[in-house]
Amino acid sequence: QVQLVESGGGLVQPGGSLRLSCAASGSDFSINTMAWFRQAPGKQREPVASILSGGRTNYADSVKGRFTISRDNAKNSVYLQMNSLKPEDTAVYYCKAVALVRYTFRDYWGQGTQVTVSS
């Protein structure tokens, strides 16, 4: 089993910045892809950014140029630096990891952290 714990959410004014963190723990696992998703009230969960173990990244068009995803493989952690935040970025942000556990790739999710962008 793999557990993901997110931190770093909060309330920020438009134009401000936040940094989200997600740490994976467990035993006998190897993480491949790590990603951030978000879900706004009344909307479906959507991908925000992802990063492969080798460092290749991908971003949703809505956050390109404003958000940066990074990871520390030694710490099994992923980060999301969010700059120039907009009210439409308000959502619960979830961390996802695709991990190899007992020869099988499985998806794991964190519990979510609230990000609110408001003046």
C-alpha atoms as a PDB file:
ATOM      1  CA  GLN A   1       0.000   0.000   0.000  1.00  0.00           C
ATOM      2  CA  VAL A   2       1.035   3.578  -0.694  1.00  0.00           C
ATOM      3  CA  GLN A   3      -0.210   6.562   1.273  1.00  0.00           C
ATOM      4  CA  LEU A   4      -0.125  10.107  -0.089  1.00  0.00           C
ATOM      5  CA  VAL A   5      -0.300  13.146   2.143  1.00  0.00           C
ATOM      6  CA  GLU A   6      -0.747  16.629   0.694  1.00  0.00           C
ATOM      7  CA  SER A   7      -0.039  19.955   2.329  1.00  0.00           C
ATOM      8  CA  GLY A   8       0.273  23.625   1.459  1.00  0.00           C
ATOM      9  CA  GLY A   9      -3.253  24.645   0.527  1.00  0.00           C
ATOM     10  CA  GLY A  10      -4.931  27.761   1.866  1.00  0.00           C
ATOM     11  CA  LEU A  11      -6.467  31.115   1.091  1.00  0.00           C
ATOM     12  CA  VAL A  12      -4.589  33.500  -1.184  1.00  0.00           C
ATOM     13  CA  GLN A  13      -5.439  36.713  -2.990  1.00  0.00           C
ATOM     14  CA  PRO A  14      -5.595  36.851  -6.803  1.00  0.00           C
ATOM     15  CA  GLY A  15      -2.097  37.181  -8.202  1.00  0.00           C
ATOM     16  CA  GLY A  16      -0.593  35.419  -5.213  1.00  0.00           C
ATOM     17  CA  SER A  17       1.353  32.179  -4.937  1.00  0.00           C
ATOM     18  CA  LEU A  18       1.094  28.869  -3.122  1.00  0.00           C
ATOM     19  CA  ARG A  19       3.232  25.760  -3.070  1.00  0.00           C
ATOM     20  CA  LEU A  20       1.622  22.366  -2.648  1.00  0.00           C
ATOM     21  CA  SER A  21       3.533  19.327  -1.461  1.00  0.00           C
ATOM     22  CA  CYS A  22       2.699  15.638  -1.568  1.00  0.00           C
ATOM     23  CA  ALA A  23       4.713  12.887   0.063  1.00  0.00           C
ATOM     24  CA  ALA A  24       4.279   9.177  -0.575  1.00  0.00           C
ATOM     25  CA  SER A  25       4.991   6.547   2.053  1.00  0.00           C
ATOM     26  CA  GLY A  26       4.641   2.814   2.352  1.00  0.00           C
ATOM     27  CA  SER A  27       6.767  -0.227   1.644  1.00  0.00           C
ATOM     28  CA  ASP A  28       8.000  -2.114  -1.410  1.00  0.00           C
ATOM     29  CA  PHE A  29       6.881   0.373  -4.024  1.00  0.00           C
ATOM     30  CA  SER A  30       8.361   2.336  -6.886  1.00  0.00           C
ATOM     31  CA  ILE A  31       6.651   5.434  -8.185  1.00  0.00           C
ATOM     32  CA  ASN A  32       6.384   6.108 -11.898  1.00  0.00           C
ATOM     33  CA  THR A  33       4.165   9.091 -12.615  1.00  0.00           C
ATOM     34  CA  MET A  34       3.132  11.717 -10.088  1.00  0.00           C
ATOM     35  CA  ALA A  35       0.448  14.264 -10.843  1.00  0.00           C
ATOM     36  CA  TRP A  36      -1.849  16.930  -9.511  1.00  0.00           C
ATOM     37  CA  PHE A  37      -5.563  17.060 -10.218  1.00  0.00           C
ATOM     38  CA  ARG A  38      -8.177  19.516  -9.013  1.00  0.00           C
ATOM     39  CA  GLN A  39     -11.909  19.556  -8.519  1.00  0.00           C
ATOM     40  CA  ALA A  40     -13.951  22.722  -8.238  1.00  0.00           C
ATOM     41  CA  PRO A  41     -17.464  22.708  -6.759  1.00  0.00           C
ATOM     42  CA  GLY A  42     -19.946  21.260  -9.217  1.00  0.00           C
ATOM     43  CA  LYS A  43     -17.254  20.258 -11.673  1.00  0.00           C
ATOM     44  CA  GLN A  44     -15.437  17.063 -12.563  1.00  0.00           C
ATOM     45  CA  ARG A  45     -11.940  16.365 -11.356  1.00  0.00           C
ATOM     46  CA  GLU A  46      -9.436  17.531 -13.964  1.00  0.00           C
ATOM     47  CA  PRO A  47      -5.713  17.036 -14.484  1.00  0.00           C
ATOM     48  CA  VAL A  48      -3.468  19.983 -13.714  1.00  0.00           C
ATOM     49  CA  ALA A  49       0.076  18.749 -14.210  1.00  0.00           C
ATOM     50  CA  SER A  50       2.061  15.525 -14.282  1.00  0.00           C
ATOM     51  CA  ILE A  51       5.690  14.497 -14.088  1.00  0.00           C
ATOM     52  CA  LEU A  52       7.369  11.223 -15.020  1.00  0.00           C
ATOM     53  CA  SER A  53      10.156   9.654 -12.995  1.00  0.00           C
ATOM     54  CA  GLY A  54      12.665  10.972 -15.526  1.00  0.00           C
ATOM     55  CA  GLY A  55      11.388  14.524 -15.150  1.00  0.00           C
ATOM     56  CA  ARG A  56       9.242  14.974 -18.244  1.00  0.00           C
ATOM     57  CA  THR A  57       6.292  17.254 -17.444  1.00  0.00           C
ATOM     58  CA  ASN A  58       2.877  18.002 -18.868  1.00  0.00           C
ATOM     59  CA  TYR A  59       0.462  20.819 -18.011  1.00  0.00           C
ATOM     60  CA  ALA A  60      -3.145  21.729 -18.588  1.00  0.00           C
ATOM     61  CA  ASP A  61      -3.454  24.702 -20.927  1.00  0.00           C
ATOM     62  CA  SER A  62      -5.155  26.707 -18.202  1.00  0.00           C
ATOM     63  CA  VAL A  63      -2.069  26.636 -15.953  1.00  0.00           C
ATOM     64  CA  LYS A  64       0.808  26.712 -18.433  1.00  0.00           C
ATOM     65  CA  GLY A  65       3.268  29.451 -17.608  1.00  0.00           C
ATOM     66  CA  ARG A  66       1.859  29.887 -14.106  1.00  0.00           C
ATOM     67  CA  PHE A  67       2.268  26.498 -12.407  1.00  0.00           C
ATOM     68  CA  THR A  68       5.403  24.389 -12.120  1.00  0.00           C
ATOM     69  CA  ILE A  69       5.452  20.722 -11.098  1.00  0.00           C
ATOM     70  CA  SER A  70       8.595  19.149  -9.685  1.00  0.00           C
ATOM     71  CA  ARG A  71       9.530  16.025  -7.774  1.00  0.00           C
ATOM     72  CA  ASP A  72      12.170  14.655  -5.461  1.00  0.00           C
ATOM     73  CA  ASN A  73      12.522  10.955  -6.207  1.00  0.00           C
ATOM     74  CA  ALA A  74      14.668  10.352  -3.131  1.00  0.00           C
ATOM     75  CA  LYS A  75      11.820  11.644  -0.960  1.00  0.00           C
ATOM     76  CA  ASN A  76       8.998  10.185  -3.073  1.00  0.00           C
ATOM     77  CA  SER A  77       7.536  13.655  -3.156  1.00  0.00           C
ATOM     78  CA  VAL A  78       5.946  15.936  -5.721  1.00  0.00           C
ATOM     79  CA  TYR A  79       5.413  19.679  -5.567  1.00  0.00           C
ATOM     80  CA  LEU A  80       3.241  22.204  -7.358  1.00  0.00           C
ATOM     81  CA  GLN A  81       4.374  25.814  -7.382  1.00  0.00           C
ATOM     82  CA  MET A  82       1.388  27.968  -8.263  1.00  0.00           C
ATOM     83  CA  ASN A  83       1.976  31.572  -9.250  1.00  0.00           C
ATOM     84  CA  SER A  84      -0.307  34.308 -10.574  1.00  0.00           C
ATOM     85  CA  LEU A  85      -3.282  32.544  -9.038  1.00  0.00           C
ATOM     86  CA  LYS A  86      -6.752  33.345 -10.321  1.00  0.00           C
ATOM     87  CA  PRO A  87     -10.159  32.878  -8.696  1.00  0.00           C
ATOM     88  CA  GLU A  88     -10.858  30.113 -11.199  1.00  0.00           C
ATOM     89  CA  ASP A  89      -7.977  28.141  -9.702  1.00  0.00           C
ATOM     90  CA  THR A  90     -10.093  27.667  -6.574  1.00  0.00           C
ATOM     91  CA  ALA A  91     -10.570  23.926  -6.041  1.00  0.00           C
ATOM     92  CA  VAL A  92      -9.585  20.953  -3.968  1.00  0.00           C
ATOM     93  CA  TYR A  93      -6.205  19.802  -5.253  1.00  0.00           C
ATOM     94  CA  TYR A  94      -5.404  16.096  -5.225  1.00  0.00           C
ATOM     95  CA  CYS A  95      -2.084  14.349  -5.565  1.00  0.00           C
ATOM     96  CA  LYS A  96      -1.957  11.137  -7.592  1.00  0.00           C
ATOM     97  CA  ALA A  97       0.812   8.580  -7.874  1.00  0.00           C
ATOM     98  CA  VAL A  98       1.127   5.660 -10.240  1.00  0.00           C
ATOM     99  CA  ALA A  99       3.182   3.139  -8.310  1.00  0.00           C
ATOM    100  CA  LEU A 100       4.564  -0.305  -9.036  1.00  0.00           C
ATOM    101  CA  VAL A 101       3.502  -2.498  -6.143  1.00  0.00           C
ATOM    102  CA  ARG A 102       3.997  -6.264  -6.226  1.00  0.00           C
ATOM    103  CA  TYR A 103       4.630  -6.254  -9.993  1.00  0.00           C
ATOM    104  CA  THR A 104       1.433  -4.297 -10.711  1.00  0.00           C
ATOM    105  CA  PHE A 105       0.956  -0.608 -11.470  1.00  0.00           C
ATOM    106  CA  ARG A 106      -1.697   0.937  -9.251  1.00  0.00           C
ATOM    107  CA  ASP A 107      -3.165   4.417  -8.806  1.00  0.00           C
ATOM    108  CA  TYR A 108      -3.069   6.088  -5.410  1.00  0.00           C
ATOM    109  CA  TRP A 109      -4.697   9.350  -4.375  1.00  0.00           C
ATOM    110  CA  GLY A 110      -4.194  11.791  -1.551  1.00  0.00           C
ATOM    111  CA  GLN A 111      -6.988  13.187   0.555  1.00  0.00           C
ATOM    112  CA  GLY A 112      -6.958  16.599  -1.121  1.00  0.00           C
ATOM    113  CA  THR A 113      -6.049  20.095   0.002  1.00  0.00           C
ATOM    114  CA  GLN A 114      -8.242  23.165  -0.455  1.00  0.00           C
ATOM    115  CA  VAL A 115      -6.956  26.109  -2.463  1.00  0.00           C
ATOM    116  CA  THR A 116      -9.083  29.242  -2.388  1.00  0.00           C
ATOM    117  CA  VAL A 117      -8.204  32.307  -4.458  1.00  0.00           C
ATOM    118  CA  SER A 118     -10.234  35.278  -3.347  1.00  0.00           C
ATOM    119  CA  SER A 119      -9.861  38.913  -2.377  1.00  0.00           C
END
